[in-house]
Amino acid sequence: MNLELRREPASRAFTLIEIMVVVIILGVLAATVIPKFMTTTQEAKVSAAKAHVAEYESALERLYVHMDRYPTTDEGLKLLVEPPTGDDKKWRGPYVTQLRSDPWGHPYQYRCPGVRHTSGFDVWSRGADGADGGEGNGADIGNWE
């Protein structure tokens, strides 16, 4: 009986250094690409908020034509989707299909008479920080821009 022991060729594996080099290259690529997507995402949210504010502003003007008044601050934007109690004969809404949150998940704000538009109304998003005022990503986006 002739038993030969055959040696399988050693399987080639990656060394720790090779794996670390690949991980470092991926990290460098991610560090350069991800910030570009983050600013693009932020710009898209700001654009969406501006479009929503313009939509609400237009709807409030249509409501004004029918009702001869803007909603009070207490009535707010809700009057765009639900008729007022006692004064529903003039209301011809809904003026928007739904009240939506801003791109950061906060409700849009409404004030009448406005601080920025004293003879009309202010409608705005508080921005990424969810607070009035702010700068940069946290800046308010309103119908005064």
N, C-alpha and C. Protein backbone atom coordinates (compact mmCIF):
# COMPACT_ATOMS: atom_id res chain seq x y z
N MET A 1 0.81 -1.16 0.00
CA MET A 1 0.00 0.00 0.00
C MET A 1 0.87 1.24 0.00
N ASN A 2 0.54 2.03 -0.94
CA ASN A 2 1.34 3.23 -1.08
C ASN A 2 0.47 4.44 -0.75
N LEU A 3 0.65 4.92 0.39
CA LEU A 3 -0.12 6.09 0.84
C LEU A 3 0.75 7.33 0.70
N GLU A 4 0.32 8.14 -0.16
CA GLU A 4 1.04 9.40 -0.30
C GLU A 4 0.25 10.51 0.38
N LEU A 5 0.93 11.23 1.12
CA LEU A 5 0.29 12.39 1.74
C LEU A 5 0.45 13.59 0.80
N ARG A 6 -0.63 14.04 0.36
CA ARG A 6 -0.58 15.21 -0.52
C ARG A 6 -0.80 16.46 0.31
N ARG A 7 -0.02 17.37 0.06
CA ARG A 7 -0.18 18.64 0.77
C ARG A 7 -0.97 19.58 -0.12
N GLU A 8 -2.04 20.05 0.41
CA GLU A 8 -2.84 21.05 -0.29
C GLU A 8 -2.06 22.36 -0.29
N PRO A 9 -2.14 23.09 -1.37
CA PRO A 9 -1.45 24.38 -1.34
C PRO A 9 -2.09 25.27 -0.27
N ALA A 10 -1.29 25.97 0.43
CA ALA A 10 -1.78 26.83 1.50
C ALA A 10 -2.70 27.89 0.92
N SER A 11 -3.84 28.06 1.55
CA SER A 11 -4.77 29.07 1.05
C SER A 11 -4.21 30.45 1.40
N ARG A 12 -4.38 31.32 0.47
CA ARG A 12 -3.85 32.66 0.65
C ARG A 12 -4.88 33.47 1.43
N ALA A 13 -4.49 34.14 2.47
CA ALA A 13 -5.37 34.96 3.29
C ALA A 13 -4.81 36.38 3.34
N PHE A 14 -5.68 37.31 3.69
CA PHE A 14 -5.24 38.69 3.83
C PHE A 14 -4.55 38.84 5.17
N THR A 15 -3.52 39.63 5.17
CA THR A 15 -2.83 39.90 6.43
C THR A 15 -3.55 41.04 7.13
N LEU A 16 -3.26 41.19 8.37
CA LEU A 16 -3.88 42.25 9.17
C LEU A 16 -3.54 43.62 8.59
N ILE A 17 -2.35 43.80 8.12
CA ILE A 17 -1.94 45.09 7.56
C ILE A 17 -2.73 45.39 6.29
N GLU A 18 -2.94 44.42 5.45
CA GLU A 18 -3.71 44.64 4.23
C GLU A 18 -5.14 45.04 4.56
N ILE A 19 -5.73 44.39 5.53
CA ILE A 19 -7.10 44.72 5.95
C ILE A 19 -7.15 46.14 6.51
N MET A 20 -6.15 46.51 7.32
CA MET A 20 -6.13 47.85 7.90
C MET A 20 -5.98 48.91 6.82
N VAL A 21 -5.18 48.66 5.79
CA VAL A 21 -5.01 49.62 4.70
C VAL A 21 -6.34 49.83 3.99
N VAL A 22 -7.08 48.76 3.73
CA VAL A 22 -8.38 48.88 3.07
C VAL A 22 -9.36 49.67 3.94
N VAL A 23 -9.38 49.40 5.23
CA VAL A 23 -10.27 50.12 6.15
C VAL A 23 -9.92 51.60 6.18
N ILE A 24 -8.65 51.93 6.18
CA ILE A 24 -8.23 53.34 6.20
C ILE A 24 -8.64 54.03 4.91
N ILE A 25 -8.48 53.36 3.78
CA ILE A 25 -8.88 53.95 2.49
C ILE A 25 -10.39 54.18 2.47
N LEU A 26 -11.17 53.22 2.95
CA LEU A 26 -12.62 53.40 3.01
C LEU A 26 -12.99 54.56 3.94
N GLY A 27 -12.29 54.69 5.05
CA GLY A 27 -12.55 55.79 5.97
C GLY A 27 -12.28 57.15 5.36
N VAL A 28 -11.18 57.25 4.61
CA VAL A 28 -10.85 58.51 3.95
C VAL A 28 -11.91 58.84 2.90
N LEU A 29 -12.32 57.85 2.12
CA LEU A 29 -13.37 58.08 1.12
C LEU A 29 -14.68 58.52 1.78
N ALA A 30 -15.05 57.86 2.87
CA ALA A 30 -16.29 58.22 3.57
C ALA A 30 -16.20 59.63 4.13
N ALA A 31 -15.04 60.00 4.64
CA ALA A 31 -14.88 61.34 5.23
C ALA A 31 -15.00 62.44 4.19
N THR A 32 -14.70 62.13 2.93
CA THR A 32 -14.81 63.16 1.90
C THR A 32 -16.18 63.17 1.23
N VAL A 33 -16.86 62.03 1.19
CA VAL A 33 -18.14 61.93 0.47
C VAL A 33 -19.32 62.26 1.37
N ILE A 34 -19.35 61.79 2.59
CA ILE A 34 -20.51 61.96 3.48
C ILE A 34 -20.85 63.42 3.74
N PRO A 35 -19.89 64.31 4.01
CA PRO A 35 -20.26 65.71 4.22
C PRO A 35 -20.97 66.34 3.02
N LYS A 36 -20.61 65.92 1.81
CA LYS A 36 -21.29 66.47 0.63
C LYS A 36 -22.75 66.06 0.61
N PHE A 37 -23.05 64.83 1.03
CA PHE A 37 -24.44 64.38 1.09
C PHE A 37 -25.17 65.09 2.22
N MET A 38 -24.50 65.38 3.31
CA MET A 38 -25.14 66.05 4.44
C MET A 38 -25.57 67.47 4.05
N THR A 39 -24.70 68.21 3.34
CA THR A 39 -25.10 69.57 2.94
C THR A 39 -26.20 69.52 1.89
N THR A 40 -26.17 68.52 1.03
CA THR A 40 -27.23 68.38 0.04
C THR A 40 -28.55 68.09 0.72
N THR A 41 -28.54 67.24 1.73
CA THR A 41 -29.75 66.92 2.47
C THR A 41 -30.30 68.16 3.17
N GLN A 42 -29.41 68.94 3.79
CA GLN A 42 -29.84 70.15 4.49
C GLN A 42 -30.43 71.16 3.51
N GLU A 43 -29.80 71.32 2.35
CA GLU A 43 -30.31 72.25 1.35
C GLU A 43 -31.69 71.81 0.85
N ALA A 44 -31.87 70.51 0.70
CA ALA A 44 -33.18 70.00 0.26
C ALA A 44 -34.25 70.28 1.30
N LYS A 45 -33.92 70.14 2.59
CA LYS A 45 -34.89 70.42 3.64
C LYS A 45 -35.26 71.90 3.67
N VAL A 46 -34.28 72.77 3.48
CA VAL A 46 -34.56 74.21 3.46
C VAL A 46 -35.46 74.54 2.26
N SER A 47 -35.17 73.96 1.10
CA SER A 47 -36.00 74.20 -0.09
C SER A 47 -37.42 73.70 0.12
N ALA A 48 -37.57 72.53 0.75
CA ALA A 48 -38.90 72.00 1.02
C ALA A 48 -39.66 72.91 1.98
N ALA A 49 -38.99 73.40 3.01
CA ALA A 49 -39.64 74.30 3.97
C ALA A 49 -40.09 75.59 3.29
N LYS A 50 -39.26 76.13 2.40
CA LYS A 50 -39.64 77.35 1.68
C LYS A 50 -40.86 77.09 0.80
N ALA A 51 -40.90 75.94 0.16
CA ALA A 51 -42.06 75.60 -0.69
C ALA A 51 -43.32 75.44 0.15
N HIS A 52 -43.21 74.82 1.31
CA HIS A 52 -44.38 74.64 2.18
C HIS A 52 -44.88 76.00 2.68
N VAL A 53 -43.97 76.87 3.07
CA VAL A 53 -44.36 78.21 3.54
C VAL A 53 -45.09 78.95 2.42
N ALA A 54 -44.58 78.87 1.20
CA ALA A 54 -45.24 79.53 0.07
C ALA A 54 -46.62 78.93 -0.18
N GLU A 55 -46.75 77.62 -0.03
CA GLU A 55 -48.05 76.96 -0.21
C GLU A 55 -49.04 77.45 0.84
N TYR A 56 -48.60 77.53 2.10
CA TYR A 56 -49.48 78.02 3.16
C TYR A 56 -49.84 79.49 2.94
N GLU A 57 -48.89 80.27 2.50
CA GLU A 57 -49.15 81.69 2.24
C GLU A 57 -50.22 81.84 1.15
N SER A 58 -50.11 81.08 0.10
CA SER A 58 -51.09 81.12 -0.99
C SER A 58 -52.47 80.66 -0.50
N ALA A 59 -52.49 79.60 0.29
CA ALA A 59 -53.76 79.10 0.81
C ALA A 59 -54.40 80.12 1.75
N LEU A 60 -53.60 80.80 2.55
CA LEU A 60 -54.14 81.83 3.45
C LEU A 60 -54.70 83.01 2.66
N GLU A 61 -54.09 83.34 1.55
CA GLU A 61 -54.62 84.42 0.71
C GLU A 61 -55.96 84.02 0.09
N ARG A 62 -56.08 82.76 -0.35
CA ARG A 62 -57.37 82.28 -0.89
C ARG A 62 -58.44 82.29 0.20
N LEU A 63 -58.08 81.89 1.40
CA LEU A 63 -59.02 81.92 2.52
C LEU A 63 -59.47 83.36 2.79
N TYR A 64 -58.53 84.29 2.71
CA TYR A 64 -58.84 85.70 2.94
C TYR A 64 -59.87 86.20 1.91
N VAL A 65 -59.74 85.80 0.67
CA VAL A 65 -60.68 86.21 -0.38
C VAL A 65 -62.09 85.74 -0.04
N HIS A 66 -62.22 84.54 0.49
CA HIS A 66 -63.55 84.00 0.82
C HIS A 66 -64.08 84.51 2.15
N MET A 67 -63.23 84.60 3.15
CA MET A 67 -63.68 84.92 4.50
C MET A 67 -63.55 86.41 4.86
N ASP A 68 -62.86 87.18 4.03
CA ASP A 68 -62.59 88.60 4.31
C ASP A 68 -61.77 88.80 5.57
N ARG A 69 -61.01 87.79 5.93
CA ARG A 69 -60.13 87.89 7.10
C ARG A 69 -59.14 86.73 7.07
N TYR A 70 -58.05 86.93 7.78
CA TYR A 70 -57.10 85.84 7.99
C TYR A 70 -57.48 85.10 9.26
N PRO A 71 -57.04 83.88 9.44
CA PRO A 71 -57.31 83.20 10.71
C PRO A 71 -56.64 83.95 11.86
N THR A 72 -57.25 83.89 13.01
CA THR A 72 -56.61 84.45 14.19
C THR A 72 -55.43 83.56 14.56
N THR A 73 -54.58 84.07 15.44
CA THR A 73 -53.45 83.25 15.89
C THR A 73 -53.96 81.99 16.57
N ASP A 74 -55.06 82.10 17.34
CA ASP A 74 -55.62 80.92 18.01
C ASP A 74 -56.18 79.91 17.01
N GLU A 75 -56.83 80.39 15.96
CA GLU A 75 -57.35 79.47 14.93
C GLU A 75 -56.20 78.82 14.17
N GLY A 76 -55.19 79.61 13.87
CA GLY A 76 -53.99 79.12 13.23
C GLY A 76 -54.22 78.50 11.86
N LEU A 77 -53.28 77.69 11.45
CA LEU A 77 -53.34 77.05 10.14
C LEU A 77 -54.43 75.99 10.07
N LYS A 78 -54.95 75.59 11.22
CA LYS A 78 -56.02 74.58 11.25
C LYS A 78 -57.24 75.04 10.44
N LEU A 79 -57.43 76.35 10.33
CA LEU A 79 -58.57 76.89 9.58
C LEU A 79 -58.45 76.60 8.08
N LEU A 80 -57.27 76.22 7.64
CA LEU A 80 -57.09 75.87 6.22
C LEU A 80 -57.70 74.52 5.89
N VAL A 81 -57.89 73.67 6.89
CA VAL A 81 -58.43 72.33 6.64
C VAL A 81 -59.78 72.08 7.30
N GLU A 82 -60.15 72.89 8.29
CA GLU A 82 -61.42 72.72 9.00
C GLU A 82 -62.17 74.04 9.05
N PRO A 83 -63.46 74.04 8.80
CA PRO A 83 -64.22 75.30 8.84
C PRO A 83 -64.33 75.84 10.26
N PRO A 84 -64.43 77.16 10.39
CA PRO A 84 -64.58 77.74 11.73
C PRO A 84 -65.99 77.48 12.25
N THR A 85 -66.13 77.45 13.54
CA THR A 85 -67.46 77.26 14.12
C THR A 85 -68.22 78.58 14.04
N GLY A 86 -69.44 78.52 13.54
CA GLY A 86 -70.30 79.68 13.47
C GLY A 86 -70.11 80.56 12.25
N ASP A 87 -69.00 80.42 11.56
CA ASP A 87 -68.73 81.27 10.39
C ASP A 87 -68.37 80.40 9.19
N ASP A 88 -69.00 79.23 9.12
CA ASP A 88 -68.62 78.26 8.10
C ASP A 88 -69.30 78.46 6.75
N LYS A 89 -70.23 79.42 6.64
CA LYS A 89 -70.92 79.63 5.36
C LYS A 89 -69.99 80.24 4.31
N LYS A 90 -69.07 81.08 4.72
CA LYS A 90 -68.14 81.70 3.80
C LYS A 90 -66.95 80.79 3.48
N TRP A 91 -66.67 79.88 4.35
CA TRP A 91 -65.50 79.00 4.20
C TRP A 91 -65.70 78.06 3.02
N ARG A 92 -64.76 78.00 2.10
CA ARG A 92 -64.88 77.16 0.91
C ARG A 92 -63.71 76.18 0.80
N GLY A 93 -63.22 75.75 1.92
CA GLY A 93 -62.05 74.87 1.94
C GLY A 93 -62.40 73.42 1.80
N PRO A 94 -61.50 72.56 1.99
CA PRO A 94 -60.17 72.83 2.55
C PRO A 94 -59.26 73.52 1.53
N TYR A 95 -58.41 74.38 2.05
CA TYR A 95 -57.50 75.15 1.21
C TYR A 95 -56.17 74.44 0.99
N VAL A 96 -55.86 73.49 1.84
CA VAL A 96 -54.73 72.56 1.66
C VAL A 96 -55.26 71.17 2.02
N THR A 97 -54.64 70.15 1.46
CA THR A 97 -55.12 68.79 1.72
C THR A 97 -54.81 68.33 3.13
N GLN A 98 -53.67 68.76 3.67
CA GLN A 98 -53.32 68.38 5.04
C GLN A 98 -52.34 69.38 5.61
N LEU A 99 -52.32 69.49 6.92
CA LEU A 99 -51.30 70.29 7.59
C LEU A 99 -50.12 69.37 7.84
N ARG A 100 -48.98 69.75 7.34
CA ARG A 100 -47.81 68.89 7.50
C ARG A 100 -46.80 69.53 8.42
N SER A 101 -45.92 68.71 8.93
CA SER A 101 -44.81 69.20 9.73
C SER A 101 -43.71 69.69 8.80
N ASP A 102 -42.82 70.52 9.33
CA ASP A 102 -41.69 70.95 8.51
C ASP A 102 -40.73 69.78 8.32
N PRO A 103 -39.74 69.91 7.47
CA PRO A 103 -38.84 68.79 7.19
C PRO A 103 -38.08 68.26 8.41
N TRP A 104 -38.05 69.01 9.50
CA TRP A 104 -37.38 68.57 10.72
C TRP A 104 -38.36 67.99 11.73
N GLY A 105 -39.63 67.85 11.33
CA GLY A 105 -40.63 67.22 12.19
C GLY A 105 -41.35 68.16 13.14
N HIS A 106 -41.18 69.47 12.98
CA HIS A 106 -41.84 70.45 13.86
C HIS A 106 -43.03 71.05 13.12
N PRO A 107 -44.06 71.46 13.85
CA PRO A 107 -45.21 72.10 13.18
C PRO A 107 -44.82 73.49 12.67
N TYR A 108 -45.44 73.88 11.58
CA TYR A 108 -45.25 75.25 11.08
C TYR A 108 -45.96 76.21 12.03
N GLN A 109 -45.42 77.41 12.15
CA GLN A 109 -45.94 78.42 13.07
C GLN A 109 -46.73 79.47 12.29
N TYR A 110 -47.72 80.04 12.97
CA TYR A 110 -48.57 81.06 12.35
C TYR A 110 -48.89 82.12 13.40
N ARG A 111 -48.87 83.39 12.96
CA ARG A 111 -49.22 84.49 13.86
C ARG A 111 -49.89 85.58 13.05
N CYS A 112 -51.02 86.08 13.56
CA CYS A 112 -51.75 87.16 12.91
C CYS A 112 -52.30 88.11 13.97
N PRO A 113 -51.99 89.36 13.93
CA PRO A 113 -51.12 90.03 12.98
C PRO A 113 -49.67 89.60 13.19
N GLY A 114 -48.93 89.65 12.12
CA GLY A 114 -47.55 89.21 12.18
C GLY A 114 -46.62 90.23 12.79
N VAL A 115 -45.49 89.77 13.25
CA VAL A 115 -44.45 90.66 13.75
C VAL A 115 -43.69 91.24 12.56
N ARG A 116 -43.44 90.42 11.57
CA ARG A 116 -42.72 90.86 10.37
C ARG A 116 -43.67 91.52 9.37
N HIS A 117 -44.90 91.02 9.27
CA HIS A 117 -45.94 91.61 8.41
C HIS A 117 -47.06 92.09 9.32
N THR A 118 -46.95 93.30 9.79
CA THR A 118 -47.90 93.80 10.78
C THR A 118 -49.31 93.97 10.22
N SER A 119 -49.46 94.13 8.91
CA SER A 119 -50.80 94.26 8.34
C SER A 119 -51.32 92.92 7.82
N GLY A 120 -50.54 91.89 7.97
CA GLY A 120 -50.94 90.57 7.49
C GLY A 120 -50.61 89.49 8.52
N PHE A 121 -49.91 88.49 8.09
CA PHE A 121 -49.60 87.34 8.94
C PHE A 121 -48.16 86.89 8.72
N ASP A 122 -47.66 86.16 9.68
CA ASP A 122 -46.37 85.48 9.56
C ASP A 122 -46.63 83.99 9.59
N VAL A 123 -46.04 83.26 8.68
CA VAL A 123 -46.06 81.80 8.71
C VAL A 123 -44.62 81.35 8.50
N TRP A 124 -44.13 80.43 9.36
CA TRP A 124 -42.73 80.08 9.31
C TRP A 124 -42.44 78.71 9.91
N SER A 125 -41.27 78.22 9.54
CA SER A 125 -40.68 77.03 10.15
C SER A 125 -39.57 77.51 11.07
N ARG A 126 -39.42 76.88 12.19
CA ARG A 126 -38.37 77.29 13.13
C ARG A 126 -37.00 76.73 12.75
N GLY A 127 -36.93 75.99 11.67
CA GLY A 127 -35.65 75.46 11.22
C GLY A 127 -35.23 74.20 11.95
N ALA A 128 -33.99 73.82 11.76
CA ALA A 128 -33.48 72.55 12.28
C ALA A 128 -33.46 72.51 13.81
N ASP A 129 -33.26 73.66 14.46
CA ASP A 129 -33.17 73.65 15.93
C ASP A 129 -34.54 73.67 16.61
N GLY A 130 -35.61 73.93 15.86
CA GLY A 130 -36.95 73.91 16.43
C GLY A 130 -37.26 75.09 17.34
N ALA A 131 -36.39 76.11 17.35
CA ALA A 131 -36.59 77.27 18.21
C ALA A 131 -36.64 78.53 17.34
N ASP A 132 -37.35 79.55 17.81
CA ASP A 132 -37.42 80.80 17.06
C ASP A 132 -36.04 81.44 16.99
N GLY A 133 -35.80 82.12 15.87
CA GLY A 133 -34.50 82.76 15.65
C GLY A 133 -33.49 81.74 15.15
N GLY A 134 -32.27 81.97 15.48
CA GLY A 134 -31.22 81.03 15.10
C GLY A 134 -30.48 81.46 13.86
N GLU A 135 -29.37 80.78 13.63
CA GLU A 135 -28.53 81.06 12.47
C GLU A 135 -28.15 79.76 11.80
N GLY A 136 -27.71 79.86 10.58
CA GLY A 136 -27.27 78.67 9.85
C GLY A 136 -28.40 77.68 9.66
N ASN A 137 -28.17 76.42 10.02
CA ASN A 137 -29.18 75.38 9.88
C ASN A 137 -30.38 75.61 10.81
N GLY A 138 -30.19 76.35 11.88
CA GLY A 138 -31.27 76.60 12.82
C GLY A 138 -32.06 77.86 12.54
N ALA A 139 -31.77 78.53 11.42
CA ALA A 139 -32.45 79.79 11.10
C ALA A 139 -33.91 79.53 10.72
N ASP A 140 -34.76 80.50 11.09
CA ASP A 140 -36.18 80.41 10.72
C ASP A 140 -36.34 80.60 9.21
N ILE A 141 -37.36 79.95 8.67
CA ILE A 141 -37.69 80.07 7.25
C ILE A 141 -39.14 80.51 7.18
N GLY A 142 -39.37 81.76 6.74
CA GLY A 142 -40.72 82.29 6.78
C GLY A 142 -41.12 83.03 5.53
N ASN A 143 -42.33 83.57 5.56
CA ASN A 143 -42.87 84.29 4.41
C ASN A 143 -42.31 85.71 4.30
N TRP A 144 -41.33 86.05 5.08
CA TRP A 144 -40.70 87.35 4.99
C TRP A 144 -39.40 87.32 4.18
N GLU A 145 -39.02 86.17 3.71
CA GLU A 145 -37.77 86.07 2.94
C GLU A 145 -37.99 86.36 1.49
